[in-house]
């Protein structure tokens, strides 16, 4: 590669025609703009990740509560069935125990 083809190696070449002060202002503004943009995006992503984590945790807690409630419901239904069976047995016993007293 020839050294005269690359403008970065030629100290007399000026790639920009604008004043250096205007270029500094423009480049600084540009850099600050993309830094701000990506800092804001990073904050948004972090906030959304926190929200996802909170919702996942909340959903797991509600799922656990629902499973406990379902287990409790099953236990209570079984207990209810046992009590109904005992009541039915007691009523049957009353019906068959009607002997006249002498």
PDB file of N, CA and C in Angstrom:
ATOM      1  N   UNK A   1       0.850  -1.164   0.000  1.00  0.00           N
ATOM      2  CA  UNK A   1       0.000   0.000   0.000  1.00  0.00           C
ATOM      3  C   UNK A   1       0.900   1.233   0.000  1.00  0.00           C
ATOM      4  N   UNK A   2       0.559   2.175  -0.786  1.00  0.00           N
ATOM      5  CA  UNK A   2       1.353   3.401  -0.864  1.00  0.00           C
ATOM      6  C   UNK A   2       1.012   4.315   0.300  1.00  0.00           C
ATOM      7  N   UNK A   3       2.015   4.978   0.828  1.00  0.00           N
ATOM      8  CA  UNK A   3       1.796   5.851   1.966  1.00  0.00           C
ATOM      9  C   UNK A   3       1.083   7.130   1.565  1.00  0.00           C
ATOM     10  N   UNK A   4       1.164   7.533   0.312  1.00  0.00           N
ATOM     11  CA  UNK A   4       0.513   8.768  -0.108  1.00  0.00           C
ATOM     12  C   UNK A   4      -0.978   8.575  -0.378  1.00  0.00           C
ATOM     13  N   UNK A   5      -1.490   7.321  -0.367  1.00  0.00           N
ATOM     14  CA  UNK A   5      -2.915   7.064  -0.569  1.00  0.00           C
ATOM     15  C   UNK A   5      -3.705   7.215   0.729  1.00  0.00           C
ATOM     16  N   UNK A   6      -3.040   7.050   1.872  1.00  0.00           N
ATOM     17  CA  UNK A   6      -3.728   7.094   3.161  1.00  0.00           C
ATOM     18  C   UNK A   6      -3.638   8.507   3.737  1.00  0.00           C
ATOM     19  N   UNK A   7      -4.759   9.236   3.870  1.00  0.00           N
ATOM     20  CA  UNK A   7      -4.695  10.610   4.360  1.00  0.00           C
ATOM     21  C   UNK A   7      -4.279  10.715   5.831  1.00  0.00           C
ATOM     22  N   UNK A   8      -4.419   9.638   6.608  1.00  0.00           N
ATOM     23  CA  UNK A   8      -4.041   9.714   8.024  1.00  0.00           C
ATOM     24  C   UNK A   8      -2.536   9.763   8.204  1.00  0.00           C
ATOM     25  N   UNK A   9      -1.779   9.304   7.216  1.00  0.00           N
ATOM     26  CA  UNK A   9      -0.327   9.319   7.318  1.00  0.00           C
ATOM     27  C   UNK A   9       0.281  10.622   6.793  1.00  0.00           C
ATOM     28  N   UNK A  10      -0.482  11.390   6.066  1.00  0.00           N
ATOM     29  CA  UNK A  10       0.016  12.647   5.497  1.00  0.00           C
ATOM     30  C   UNK A  10      -0.317  13.787   6.465  1.00  0.00           C
ATOM     31  N   UNK A  11       0.691  14.384   7.121  1.00  0.00           N
ATOM     32  CA  UNK A  11       0.411  15.427   8.111  1.00  0.00           C
ATOM     33  C   UNK A  11      -0.124  16.706   7.500  1.00  0.00           C
ATOM     34  N   UNK A  12       0.038  16.932   6.261  1.00  0.00           N
ATOM     35  CA  UNK A  12      -0.450  18.172   5.643  1.00  0.00           C
ATOM     36  C   UNK A  12      -1.882  18.047   5.157  1.00  0.00           C
ATOM     37  N   UNK A  13      -2.415  16.829   5.102  1.00  0.00           N
ATOM     38  CA  UNK A  13      -3.783  16.637   4.621  1.00  0.00           C
ATOM     39  C   UNK A  13      -4.769  17.024   5.716  1.00  0.00           C
ATOM     40  N   UNK A  14      -5.827  17.726   5.346  1.00  0.00           N
ATOM     41  CA  UNK A  14      -6.885  18.091   6.285  1.00  0.00           C
ATOM     42  C   UNK A  14      -8.170  17.428   5.806  1.00  0.00           C
ATOM     43  N   UNK A  15      -8.606  16.397   6.485  1.00  0.00           N
ATOM     44  CA  UNK A  15      -9.806  15.698   6.032  1.00  0.00           C
ATOM     45  C   UNK A  15     -11.079  16.501   6.243  1.00  0.00           C
ATOM     46  N   UNK A  16     -11.074  17.483   7.154  1.00  0.00           N
ATOM     47  CA  UNK A  16     -12.258  18.286   7.415  1.00  0.00           C
ATOM     48  C   UNK A  16     -12.018  19.715   6.946  1.00  0.00           C
ATOM     49  N   UNK A  17     -13.092  20.332   6.441  1.00  0.00           N
ATOM     50  CA  UNK A  17     -12.975  21.707   5.958  1.00  0.00           C
ATOM     51  C   UNK A  17     -13.529  22.707   6.974  1.00  0.00           C
ATOM     52  N   UNK A  18     -14.233  22.199   7.997  1.00  0.00           N
ATOM     53  CA  UNK A  18     -14.813  23.081   9.009  1.00  0.00           C
ATOM     54  C   UNK A  18     -13.768  23.488  10.032  1.00  0.00           C
ATOM     55  N   UNK A  19     -14.120  24.551  10.797  1.00  0.00           N
ATOM     56  CA  UNK A  19     -13.223  25.001  11.851  1.00  0.00           C
ATOM     57  C   UNK A  19     -13.069  23.913  12.909  1.00  0.00           C
ATOM     58  N   UNK A  20     -11.919  23.754  13.516  1.00  0.00           N
ATOM     59  CA  UNK A  20     -11.735  22.738  14.555  1.00  0.00           C
ATOM     60  C   UNK A  20     -12.684  22.933  15.732  1.00  0.00           C
ATOM     61  N   UNK A  21     -12.971  24.162  16.113  1.00  0.00           N
ATOM     62  CA  UNK A  21     -13.909  24.406  17.223  1.00  0.00           C
ATOM     63  C   UNK A  21     -15.300  23.903  16.899  1.00  0.00           C
ATOM     64  N   UNK A  22     -15.745  24.099  15.666  1.00  0.00           N
ATOM     65  CA  UNK A  22     -17.067  23.620  15.249  1.00  0.00           C
ATOM     66  C   UNK A  22     -17.084  22.099  15.216  1.00  0.00           C
ATOM     67  N   UNK A  23     -15.973  21.517  14.780  1.00  0.00           N
ATOM     68  CA  UNK A  23     -15.891  20.046  14.744  1.00  0.00           C
ATOM     69  C   UNK A  23     -15.914  19.469  16.150  1.00  0.00           C
ATOM     70  N   UNK A  24     -15.178  20.101  17.062  1.00  0.00           N
ATOM     71  CA  UNK A  24     -15.167  19.626  18.458  1.00  0.00           C
ATOM     72  C   UNK A  24     -16.580  19.679  19.017  1.00  0.00           C
ATOM     73  N   UNK A  25     -17.269  20.804  18.808  1.00  0.00           N
ATOM     74  CA  UNK A  25     -18.637  20.943  19.296  1.00  0.00           C
ATOM     75  C   UNK A  25     -19.543  19.859  18.704  1.00  0.00           C
ATOM     76  N   UNK A  26     -19.446  19.647  17.406  1.00  0.00           N
ATOM     77  CA  UNK A  26     -20.290  18.657  16.729  1.00  0.00           C
ATOM     78  C   UNK A  26     -20.005  17.242  17.227  1.00  0.00           C
ATOM     79  N   UNK A  27     -18.723  16.882  17.297  1.00  0.00           N
ATOM     80  CA  UNK A  27     -18.369  15.532  17.734  1.00  0.00           C
ATOM     81  C   UNK A  27     -18.748  15.299  19.195  1.00  0.00           C
ATOM     82  N   UNK A  28     -18.551  16.328  20.023  1.00  0.00           N
ATOM     83  CA  UNK A  28     -18.930  16.189  21.434  1.00  0.00           C
ATOM     84  C   UNK A  28     -20.440  16.018  21.560  1.00  0.00           C
ATOM     85  N   UNK A  29     -21.188  16.817  20.810  1.00  0.00           N
ATOM     86  CA  UNK A  29     -22.649  16.727  20.822  1.00  0.00           C
ATOM     87  C   UNK A  29     -23.090  15.346  20.343  1.00  0.00           C
ATOM     88  N   UNK A  30     -22.471  14.857  19.295  1.00  0.00           N
ATOM     89  CA  UNK A  30     -22.802  13.544  18.757  1.00  0.00           C
ATOM     90  C   UNK A  30     -22.511  12.449  19.781  1.00  0.00           C
ATOM     91  N   UNK A  31     -21.299  12.513  20.364  1.00  0.00           N
ATOM     92  CA  UNK A  31     -20.912  11.514  21.357  1.00  0.00           C
ATOM     93  C   UNK A  31     -21.843  11.551  22.567  1.00  0.00           C
ATOM     94  N   UNK A  32     -22.132  12.749  23.063  1.00  0.00           N
ATOM     95  CA  UNK A  32     -23.012  12.878  24.218  1.00  0.00           C
ATOM     96  C   UNK A  32     -24.413  12.358  23.907  1.00  0.00           C
ATOM     97  N   UNK A  33     -24.842  12.579  22.658  1.00  0.00           N
ATOM     98  CA  UNK A  33     -26.169  12.098  22.258  1.00  0.00           C
ATOM     99  C   UNK A  33     -26.265  10.593  22.280  1.00  0.00           C
ATOM    100  N   UNK A  34     -25.305   9.899  21.689  1.00  0.00           N
ATOM    101  CA  UNK A  34     -25.416   8.433  21.680  1.00  0.00           C
ATOM    102  C   UNK A  34     -25.153   7.858  23.052  1.00  0.00           C
ATOM    103  N   UNK A  35     -24.297   8.509  23.850  1.00  0.00           N
ATOM    104  CA  UNK A  35     -24.092   8.031  25.221  1.00  0.00           C
ATOM    105  C   UNK A  35     -25.386   8.147  26.028  1.00  0.00           C
ATOM    106  N   UNK A  36     -26.070   9.283  25.896  1.00  0.00           N
ATOM    107  CA  UNK A  36     -27.329   9.489  26.611  1.00  0.00           C
ATOM    108  C   UNK A  36     -28.374   8.478  26.138  1.00  0.00           C
ATOM    109  N   UNK A  37     -28.431   8.281  24.825  1.00  0.00           N
ATOM    110  CA  UNK A  37     -29.406   7.344  24.256  1.00  0.00           C
ATOM    111  C   UNK A  37     -29.203   5.947  24.824  1.00  0.00           C
ATOM    112  N   UNK A  38     -27.981   5.463  24.829  1.00  0.00           N
ATOM    113  CA  UNK A  38     -27.732   4.096  25.289  1.00  0.00           C
ATOM    114  C   UNK A  38     -27.774   3.980  26.809  1.00  0.00           C
ATOM    115  N   UNK A  39     -27.462   5.062  27.528  1.00  0.00           N
ATOM    116  CA  UNK A  39     -27.624   5.055  28.979  1.00  0.00           C
ATOM    117  C   UNK A  39     -29.111   4.946  29.317  1.00  0.00           C
ATOM    118  N   UNK A  40     -29.947   5.704  28.598  1.00  0.00           N
ATOM    119  CA  UNK A  40     -31.393   5.628  28.811  1.00  0.00           C
ATOM    120  C   UNK A  40     -31.927   4.246  28.443  1.00  0.00           C
ATOM    121  N   UNK A  41     -31.451   3.696  27.340  1.00  0.00           N
ATOM    122  CA  UNK A  41     -31.883   2.353  26.953  1.00  0.00           C
ATOM    123  C   UNK A  41     -31.462   1.317  27.986  1.00  0.00           C
ATOM    124  N   UNK A  42     -30.255   1.471  28.508  1.00  0.00           N
ATOM    125  CA  UNK A  42     -29.765   0.547  29.525  1.00  0.00           C
ATOM    126  C   UNK A  42     -30.636   0.630  30.779  1.00  0.00           C
ATOM    127  N   UNK A  43     -31.030   1.835  31.177  1.00  0.00           N
ATOM    128  CA  UNK A  43     -31.903   2.005  32.331  1.00  0.00           C
ATOM    129  C   UNK A  43     -33.274   1.385  32.065  1.00  0.00           C
ATOM    130  N   UNK A  44     -33.779   1.556  30.849  1.00  0.00           N
ATOM    131  CA  UNK A  44     -35.070   0.961  30.491  1.00  0.00           C
ATOM    132  C   UNK A  44     -34.999  -0.558  30.545  1.00  0.00           C
ATOM    133  N   UNK A  45     -33.931  -1.126  29.999  1.00  0.00           N
ATOM    134  CA  UNK A  45     -33.761  -2.581  30.019  1.00  0.00           C
ATOM    135  C   UNK A  45     -33.679  -3.078  31.455  1.00  0.00           C
ATOM    136  N   UNK A  46     -32.918  -2.383  32.294  1.00  0.00           N
ATOM    137  CA  UNK A  46     -32.772  -2.777  33.694  1.00  0.00           C
ATOM    138  C   UNK A  46     -34.127  -2.731  34.397  1.00  0.00           C
ATOM    139  N   UNK A  47     -34.893  -1.669  34.146  1.00  0.00           N
ATOM    140  CA  UNK A  47     -36.220  -1.561  34.743  1.00  0.00           C
ATOM    141  C   UNK A  47     -37.141  -2.684  34.294  1.00  0.00           C
ATOM    142  N   UNK A  48     -37.094  -3.011  33.017  1.00  0.00           N
ATOM    143  CA  UNK A  48     -37.935  -4.096  32.505  1.00  0.00           C
ATOM    144  C   UNK A  48     -37.496  -5.447  33.051  1.00  0.00           C
ATOM    145  N   UNK A  49     -36.179  -5.645  33.202  1.00  0.00           N
ATOM    146  CA  UNK A  49     -35.699  -6.898  33.792  1.00  0.00           C
ATOM    147  C   UNK A  49     -36.156  -7.016  35.240  1.00  0.00           C
ATOM    148  N   UNK A  50     -36.124  -5.915  35.972  1.00  0.00           N
ATOM    149  CA  UNK A  50     -36.614  -5.939  37.354  1.00  0.00           C
ATOM    150  C   UNK A  50     -38.104  -6.237  37.394  1.00  0.00           C
ATOM    151  N   UNK A  51     -38.840  -5.659  36.474  1.00  0.00           N
ATOM    152  CA  UNK A  51     -40.286  -5.900  36.413  1.00  0.00           C
ATOM    153  C   UNK A  51     -40.580  -7.369  36.109  1.00  0.00           C
ATOM    154  N   UNK A  52     -39.829  -7.934  35.184  1.00  0.00           N
ATOM    155  CA  UNK A  52     -40.000  -9.352  34.848  1.00  0.00           C
ATOM    156  C   UNK A  52     -39.701 -10.213  36.063  1.00  0.00           C
ATOM    157  N   UNK A  53     -38.617  -9.880  36.772  1.00  0.00           N
ATOM    158  CA  UNK A  53     -38.262 -10.655  37.965  1.00  0.00           C
ATOM    159  C   UNK A  53     -39.362 -10.551  39.021  1.00  0.00           C
ATOM    160  N   UNK A  54     -39.907  -9.343  39.222  1.00  0.00           N
ATOM    161  CA  UNK A  54     -40.979  -9.159  40.194  1.00  0.00           C
ATOM    162  C   UNK A  54     -42.222  -9.949  39.801  1.00  0.00           C
ATOM    163  N   UNK A  55     -42.592  -9.887  38.524  1.00  0.00           N
ATOM    164  CA  UNK A  55     -43.784 -10.605  38.067  1.00  0.00           C
ATOM    165  C   UNK A  55     -43.594 -12.116  38.162  1.00  0.00           C
ATOM    166  N   UNK A  56     -42.396 -12.585  37.850  1.00  0.00           N
ATOM    167  CA  UNK A  56     -42.120 -14.018  37.943  1.00  0.00           C
ATOM    168  C   UNK A  56     -42.234 -14.482  39.391  1.00  0.00           C
ATOM    169  N   UNK A  57     -41.659 -13.702  40.293  1.00  0.00           N
ATOM    170  CA  UNK A  57     -41.726 -14.048  41.714  1.00  0.00           C
ATOM    171  C   UNK A  57     -43.167 -14.018  42.215  1.00  0.00           C
ATOM    172  N   UNK A  58     -43.912 -12.981  41.822  1.00  0.00           N
ATOM    173  CA  UNK A  58     -45.305 -12.860  42.230  1.00  0.00           C
ATOM    174  C   UNK A  58     -46.139 -14.025  41.695  1.00  0.00           C
ATOM    175  N   UNK A  59     -45.904 -14.361  40.425  1.00  0.00           N
ATOM    176  CA  UNK A  59     -46.648 -15.470  39.823  1.00  0.00           C
ATOM    177  C   UNK A  59     -46.353 -16.780  40.549  1.00  0.00           C
ATOM    178  N   UNK A  60     -45.097 -16.989  40.925  1.00  0.00           N
ATOM    179  CA  UNK A  60     -44.732 -18.208  41.660  1.00  0.00           C
ATOM    180  C   UNK A  60     -45.415 -18.238  43.028  1.00  0.00           C
ATOM    181  N   UNK A  61     -45.472 -17.084  43.690  1.00  0.00           N
ATOM    182  CA  UNK A  61     -46.132 -17.029  44.999  1.00  0.00           C
ATOM    183  C   UNK A  61     -47.628 -17.314  44.876  1.00  0.00           C
ATOM    184  N   UNK A  62     -48.270 -16.726  43.862  1.00  0.00           N
ATOM    185  CA  UNK A  62     -49.697 -16.972  43.673  1.00  0.00           C
ATOM    186  C   UNK A  62     -49.967 -18.419  43.292  1.00  0.00           C
ATOM    187  N   UNK A  63     -49.065 -18.987  42.476  1.00  0.00           N
ATOM    188  CA  UNK A  63     -49.221 -20.388  42.102  1.00  0.00           C
ATOM    189  C   UNK A  63     -49.135 -21.279  43.342  1.00  0.00           C
ATOM    190  N   UNK A  64     -48.180 -20.982  44.225  1.00  0.00           N
ATOM    191  CA  UNK A  64     -48.028 -21.760  45.456  1.00  0.00           C
ATOM    192  C   UNK A  64     -49.278 -21.619  46.329  1.00  0.00           C
ATOM    193  N   UNK A  65     -49.807 -20.388  46.434  1.00  0.00           N
ATOM    194  CA  UNK A  65     -51.030 -20.183  47.219  1.00  0.00           C
ATOM    195  C   UNK A  65     -52.204 -20.961  46.622  1.00  0.00           C
ATOM    196  N   UNK A  66     -52.305 -20.952  45.301  1.00  0.00           N
ATOM    197  CA  UNK A  66     -53.394 -21.674  44.637  1.00  0.00           C
ATOM    198  C   UNK A  66     -53.266 -23.176  44.859  1.00  0.00           C
ATOM    199  N   UNK A  67     -52.038 -23.685  44.799  1.00  0.00           N
ATOM    200  CA  UNK A  67     -51.839 -25.113  45.037  1.00  0.00           C
ATOM    201  C   UNK A  67     -52.175 -25.475  46.483  1.00  0.00           C
ATOM    202  N   UNK A  68     -51.805 -24.607  47.429  1.00  0.00           N
ATOM    203  CA  UNK A  68     -52.139 -24.855  48.830  1.00  0.00           C
ATOM    204  C   UNK A  68     -53.655 -24.828  49.027  1.00  0.00           C
ATOM    205  N   UNK A  69     -54.314 -23.865  48.376  1.00  0.00           N
ATOM    206  CA  UNK A  69     -55.766 -23.768  48.487  1.00  0.00           C
ATOM    207  C   UNK A  69     -56.430 -25.004  47.876  1.00  0.00           C
ATOM    208  N   UNK A  70     -55.902 -25.484  46.760  1.00  0.00           N
ATOM    209  CA  UNK A  70     -56.446 -26.694  46.148  1.00  0.00           C
ATOM    210  C   UNK A  70     -56.265 -27.905  47.041  1.00  0.00           C
ATOM    211  N   UNK A  71     -55.102 -28.000  47.675  1.00  0.00           N
ATOM    212  CA  UNK A  71     -54.850 -29.105  48.611  1.00  0.00           C
ATOM    213  C   UNK A  71     -55.801 -29.015  49.801  1.00  0.00           C
ATOM    214  N   UNK A  72     -55.972 -27.805  50.315  1.00  0.00           N
ATOM    215  CA  UNK A  72     -56.871 -27.599  51.460  1.00  0.00           C
ATOM    216  C   UNK A  72     -58.305 -27.953  51.061  1.00  0.00           C
ATOM    217  N   UNK A  73     -58.707 -27.567  49.854  1.00  0.00           N
ATOM    218  CA  UNK A  73     -60.044 -27.890  49.368  1.00  0.00           C
ATOM    219  C   UNK A  73     -60.236 -29.401  49.302  1.00  0.00           C
ATOM    220  N   UNK A  74     -59.244 -30.100  48.778  1.00  0.00           N
ATOM    221  CA  UNK A  74     -59.339 -31.559  48.710  1.00  0.00           C
ATOM    222  C   UNK A  74     -59.453 -32.179  50.088  1.00  0.00           C
ATOM    223  N   UNK A  75     -58.670 -31.670  51.038  1.00  0.00           N
ATOM    224  CA  UNK A  75     -58.734 -32.186  52.410  1.00  0.00           C
ATOM    225  C   UNK A  75     -60.103 -31.940  53.031  1.00  0.00           C
ATOM    226  N   UNK A  76     -60.625 -30.721  52.837  1.00  0.00           N
ATOM    227  CA  UNK A  76     -61.932 -30.385  53.407  1.00  0.00           C
ATOM    228  C   UNK A  76     -63.057 -31.196  52.753  1.00  0.00           C
ATOM    229  N   UNK A  77     -62.955 -31.431  51.457  1.00  0.00           N
ATOM    230  CA  UNK A  77     -63.977 -32.252  50.791  1.00  0.00           C
ATOM    231  C   UNK A  77     -63.945 -33.679  51.314  1.00  0.00           C
ATOM    232  N   UNK A  78     -62.751 -34.209  51.549  1.00  0.00           N
ATOM    233  CA  UNK A  78     -62.648 -35.562  52.102  1.00  0.00           C
ATOM    234  C   UNK A  78     -63.220 -35.602  53.518  1.00  0.00           C
ATOM    235  N   UNK A  79     -62.906 -34.593  54.312  1.00  0.00           N
ATOM    236  CA  UNK A  79     -63.440 -34.532  55.676  1.00  0.00           C
ATOM    237  C   UNK A  79     -64.959 -34.403  55.645  1.00  0.00           C
ATOM    238  N   UNK A  80     -65.475 -33.587  54.719  1.00  0.00           N
ATOM    239  CA  UNK A  80     -66.920 -33.407  54.566  1.00  0.00           C
ATOM    240  C   UNK A  80     -67.585 -34.739  54.191  1.00  0.00           C
ATOM    241  N   UNK A  81     -66.969 -35.481  53.287  1.00  0.00           N
ATOM    242  CA  UNK A  81     -67.523 -36.777  52.893  1.00  0.00           C
ATOM    243  C   UNK A  81     -67.537 -37.745  54.079  1.00  0.00           C
ATOM    244  N   UNK A  82     -66.485 -37.728  54.882  1.00  0.00           N
ATOM    245  CA  UNK A  82     -66.443 -38.599  56.065  1.00  0.00           C
ATOM    246  C   UNK A  82     -67.544 -38.223  57.051  1.00  0.00           C
ATOM    247  N   UNK A  83     -67.737 -36.936  57.276  1.00  0.00           N
ATOM    248  CA  UNK A  83     -68.779 -36.486  58.209  1.00  0.00           C
ATOM    249  C   UNK A  83     -70.169 -36.841  57.690  1.00  0.00           C
ATOM    250  N   UNK A  84     -70.373 -36.680  56.391  1.00  0.00           N
ATOM    251  CA  UNK A  84     -71.677 -37.062  55.823  1.00  0.00           C
ATOM    252  C   UNK A  84     -71.913 -38.566  55.982  1.00  0.00           C
ATOM    253  N   UNK A  85     -70.864 -39.351  55.811  1.00  0.00           N
ATOM    254  CA  UNK A  85     -70.992 -40.801  55.979  1.00  0.00           C
ATOM    255  C   UNK A  85     -71.311 -41.139  57.433  1.00  0.00           C
ATOM    256  N   UNK A  86     -70.687 -40.442  58.366  1.00  0.00           N
ATOM    257  CA  UNK A  86     -70.968 -40.691  59.782  1.00  0.00           C
ATOM    258  C   UNK A  86     -72.396 -40.293  60.127  1.00  0.00           C
ATOM    259  N   UNK A  87     -72.861 -39.179  59.562  1.00  0.00           N
ATOM    260  CA  UNK A  87     -74.242 -38.748  59.810  1.00  0.00           C
ATOM    261  C   UNK A  87     -75.214 -39.771  59.241  1.00  0.00           C
ATOM    262  N   UNK A  88     -74.951 -40.233  58.023  1.00  0.00           N
ATOM    263  CA  UNK A  88     -75.825 -41.223  57.395  1.00  0.00           C
ATOM    264  C   UNK A  88     -75.831 -42.511  58.214  1.00  0.00           C
ATOM    265  N   UNK A  89     -74.683 -42.938  58.718  1.00  0.00           N
ATOM    266  CA  UNK A  89     -74.605 -44.154  59.534  1.00  0.00           C
ATOM    267  C   UNK A  89     -75.359 -43.959  60.843  1.00  0.00           C
ATOM    268  N   UNK A  90     -75.252 -42.784  61.430  1.00  0.00           N
ATOM    269  CA  UNK A  90     -75.961 -42.515  62.686  1.00  0.00           C
ATOM    270  C   UNK A  90     -77.463 -42.508  62.454  1.00  0.00           C
ATOM    271  N   UNK A  91     -77.928 -41.947  61.338  1.00  0.00           N
ATOM    272  CA  UNK A  91     -79.357 -41.948  61.030  1.00  0.00           C
ATOM    273  C   UNK A  91     -79.868 -43.360  60.775  1.00  0.00           C
ATOM    274  N   UNK A  92     -79.068 -44.186  60.109  1.00  0.00           N
ATOM    275  CA  UNK A  92     -79.444 -45.591  59.876  1.00  0.00           C
ATOM    276  C   UNK A  92     -79.556 -46.333  61.202  1.00  0.00           C
ATOM    277  N   UNK A  93     -78.619 -46.026  62.070  1.00  0.00           N
ATOM    278  CA  UNK A  93     -78.632 -46.698  63.381  1.00  0.00           C
ATOM    279  C   UNK A  93     -79.864 -46.289  64.165  1.00  0.00           C
ATOM    280  N   UNK A  94     -80.292 -45.019  64.071  1.00  0.00           N
ATOM    281  CA  UNK A  94     -81.489 -44.560  64.753  1.00  0.00           C
ATOM    282  C   UNK A  94     -82.724 -45.258  64.197  1.00  0.00           C
ATOM    283  N   UNK A  95     -82.772 -45.440  62.876  1.00  0.00           N
ATOM    284  CA  UNK A  95     -83.935 -46.073  62.241  1.00  0.00           C
ATOM    285  C   UNK A  95     -84.059 -47.534  62.676  1.00  0.00           C
ATOM    286  N   UNK A  96     -82.965 -48.218  62.788  1.00  0.00           N
ATOM    287  CA  UNK A  96     -83.012 -49.655  63.142  1.00  0.00           C
ATOM    288  C   UNK A  96     -83.092 -49.855  64.632  1.00  0.00           C
ATOM    289  N   UNK A  97     -82.957 -48.823  65.436  1.00  0.00           N
ATOM    290  CA  UNK A  97     -82.926 -48.954  66.881  1.00  0.00           C
ATOM    291  C   UNK A  97     -84.263 -48.535  67.504  1.00  0.00           C
ATOM    292  N   UNK A  98     -85.379 -48.619  66.765  1.00  0.00           N
ATOM    293  CA  UNK A  98     -86.695 -48.247  67.294  1.00  0.00           C
ATOM    294  C   UNK A  98     -87.424 -49.474  67.835  1.00  0.00           C
ATOM    295  N   UNK A  99     -86.923 -50.061  68.879  1.00  0.00           N
ATOM    296  CA  UNK A  99     -87.591 -51.198  69.526  1.00  0.00           C
ATOM    297  C   UNK A  99     -88.501 -50.657  70.629  1.00  0.00           C
ATOM    298  N   UNK A 100     -89.646 -51.209  70.728  1.00  0.00           N
ATOM    299  CA  UNK A 100     -90.539 -50.756  71.810  1.00  0.00           C
ATOM    300  C   UNK A 100     -89.955 -51.142  73.179  1.00  0.00           C
ATOM    301  N   UNK A 101     -90.134 -50.279  74.100  1.00  0.00           N
ATOM    302  CA  UNK A 101     -89.621 -50.527  75.448  1.00  0.00           C
ATOM    303  C   UNK A 101     -90.751 -51.110  76.268  1.00  0.00           C
ATOM    304  N   UNK A 102     -90.523 -52.254  77.038  1.00  0.00           N
ATOM    305  CA  UNK A 102     -91.537 -52.901  77.858  1.00  0.00           C
ATOM    306  C   UNK A 102     -91.209 -52.861  79.279  1.00  0.00           C
TER     307      UNK A 102
END
